[in-house]
Amino acid sequence: MLEESGGRTDVMERYDLEFRDLLMRNKQRIYYQLHRLNINDTHQEFYQEGLVAMWNAYRTYKADKGPFATYFNYTIRYRMIDLLRHENCYERLPPRKVYPLMR
């Protein structure tokens, strides 16, 4: 039976503690991917995306699919590549022209 404590269940708190411990042991993976992809992350947006990717990898990991470290690395790396692609897409768009209304 789940016991409520301040609006959160004991299971949820344990889940969060497990992830925090995992994050402390693996946050260097995010910095490694930033370095490997040569990303200058002055505003920490790629680091934040790496954290989200790590959380998603933690939630969706299946042990029969391969080692946890490999899954973490690929999830973080490909999320950062997706973000780079998204940013580059907007940089390539030509500026929009504004035409005056004809009367």
Protein backbone atom coordinates (compact mmCIF):
# COMPACT_ATOMS: atom_id res chain seq x y z
CA MET A 1 0.00 0.00 0.00
CA LEU A 2 1.29 3.45 -0.90
CA GLU A 3 1.51 5.99 1.85
CA GLU A 4 0.99 9.67 1.06
CA SER A 5 3.50 12.17 2.42
CA GLY A 6 2.89 15.80 1.55
CA GLY A 7 1.07 15.01 -1.70
CA ARG A 8 3.76 12.62 -2.95
CA THR A 9 3.93 8.89 -2.56
CA ASP A 10 6.87 7.06 -1.03
CA VAL A 11 7.41 5.29 -4.35
CA MET A 12 7.71 8.62 -6.19
CA GLU A 13 10.18 9.94 -3.61
CA ARG A 14 12.28 6.80 -3.92
CA TYR A 15 12.14 7.12 -7.72
CA ASP A 16 13.38 10.73 -7.49
CA LEU A 17 16.16 9.80 -5.07
CA GLU A 18 17.31 7.00 -7.37
CA PHE A 19 17.43 9.40 -10.31
CA ARG A 20 19.30 12.06 -8.32
CA ASP A 21 21.89 9.50 -7.33
CA LEU A 22 22.14 8.33 -10.92
CA LEU A 23 22.44 11.93 -12.11
CA MET A 24 25.31 12.65 -9.72
CA ARG A 25 27.16 9.60 -10.99
CA ASN A 26 26.48 10.26 -14.69
CA LYS A 27 26.23 14.01 -15.30
CA GLN A 28 29.72 13.95 -16.83
CA ARG A 29 28.13 12.14 -19.78
CA ILE A 30 26.32 15.36 -20.67
CA TYR A 31 29.56 17.37 -20.59
CA TYR A 32 31.29 14.67 -22.61
CA GLN A 33 28.66 14.88 -25.36
CA LEU A 34 28.84 18.69 -25.36
CA HIS A 35 32.60 18.45 -25.85
CA ARG A 36 32.34 15.67 -28.43
CA LEU A 37 29.83 17.66 -30.51
CA ASN A 38 31.90 20.84 -30.07
CA ILE A 39 28.97 22.77 -28.58
CA ASN A 40 29.64 26.07 -26.83
CA ASP A 41 26.80 26.04 -24.32
CA THR A 42 26.96 29.54 -22.83
CA HIS A 43 23.27 29.61 -21.89
CA GLN A 44 23.17 26.02 -20.58
CA GLU A 45 20.30 25.12 -22.92
CA PHE A 46 22.08 22.04 -24.27
CA TYR A 47 22.95 20.94 -20.74
CA GLN A 48 19.26 21.24 -19.82
CA GLU A 49 18.32 19.17 -22.86
CA GLY A 50 20.90 16.62 -21.76
CA LEU A 51 19.23 16.43 -18.34
CA VAL A 52 15.83 15.87 -19.95
CA ALA A 53 17.31 13.22 -22.23
CA MET A 54 18.90 11.53 -19.22
CA TRP A 55 15.56 11.53 -17.38
CA ASN A 56 13.81 10.04 -20.41
CA ALA A 57 16.53 7.41 -20.77
CA TYR A 58 16.16 6.54 -17.10
CA ARG A 59 12.40 6.13 -17.44
CA THR A 60 12.44 4.14 -20.69
CA TYR A 61 15.50 1.90 -20.27
CA LYS A 62 14.93 -1.80 -20.94
CA ALA A 63 17.68 -4.09 -19.64
CA ASP A 64 17.31 -6.54 -22.52
CA LYS A 65 18.20 -3.82 -25.07
CA GLY A 66 21.82 -3.38 -23.98
CA PRO A 67 24.05 -1.70 -21.39
CA PHE A 68 22.63 1.24 -19.47
CA ALA A 69 25.68 3.47 -20.10
CA THR A 70 25.42 3.00 -23.86
CA TYR A 71 21.72 3.81 -23.83
CA PHE A 72 22.39 6.94 -21.77
CA ASN A 73 25.13 8.14 -24.10
CA TYR A 74 23.12 7.64 -27.27
CA THR A 75 19.96 9.19 -25.84
CA ILE A 76 21.83 12.31 -24.69
CA ARG A 77 23.87 12.59 -27.89
CA TYR A 78 20.94 12.27 -30.28
CA ARG A 79 18.82 14.71 -28.29
CA MET A 80 21.60 17.31 -28.60
CA ILE A 81 21.93 16.59 -32.33
CA ASP A 82 18.17 17.09 -32.70
CA LEU A 83 18.43 20.44 -30.94
CA LEU A 84 21.33 21.48 -33.21
CA ARG A 85 19.30 20.54 -36.28
CA HIS A 86 16.32 22.50 -34.99
CA GLU A 87 18.43 25.61 -34.37
CA ASN A 88 20.20 25.33 -37.74
CA CYS A 89 16.87 25.04 -39.52
CA TYR A 90 15.80 28.45 -38.22
CA GLU A 91 19.18 30.02 -39.00
CA ARG A 92 18.91 29.00 -42.67
CA LEU A 93 15.50 30.52 -43.23
CA PRO A 94 15.68 33.77 -45.17
CA PRO A 95 14.40 36.85 -43.37
CA ARG A 96 10.75 37.51 -44.02
CA LYS A 97 9.95 40.45 -46.23
CA VAL A 98 7.34 42.89 -45.12
CA TYR A 99 5.38 44.51 -47.89
CA PRO A 100 3.29 47.61 -47.42
CA LEU A 101 -0.43 47.19 -47.86
CA MET A 102 -1.72 48.33 -51.24
CA ARG A 103 -4.71 50.66 -51.16
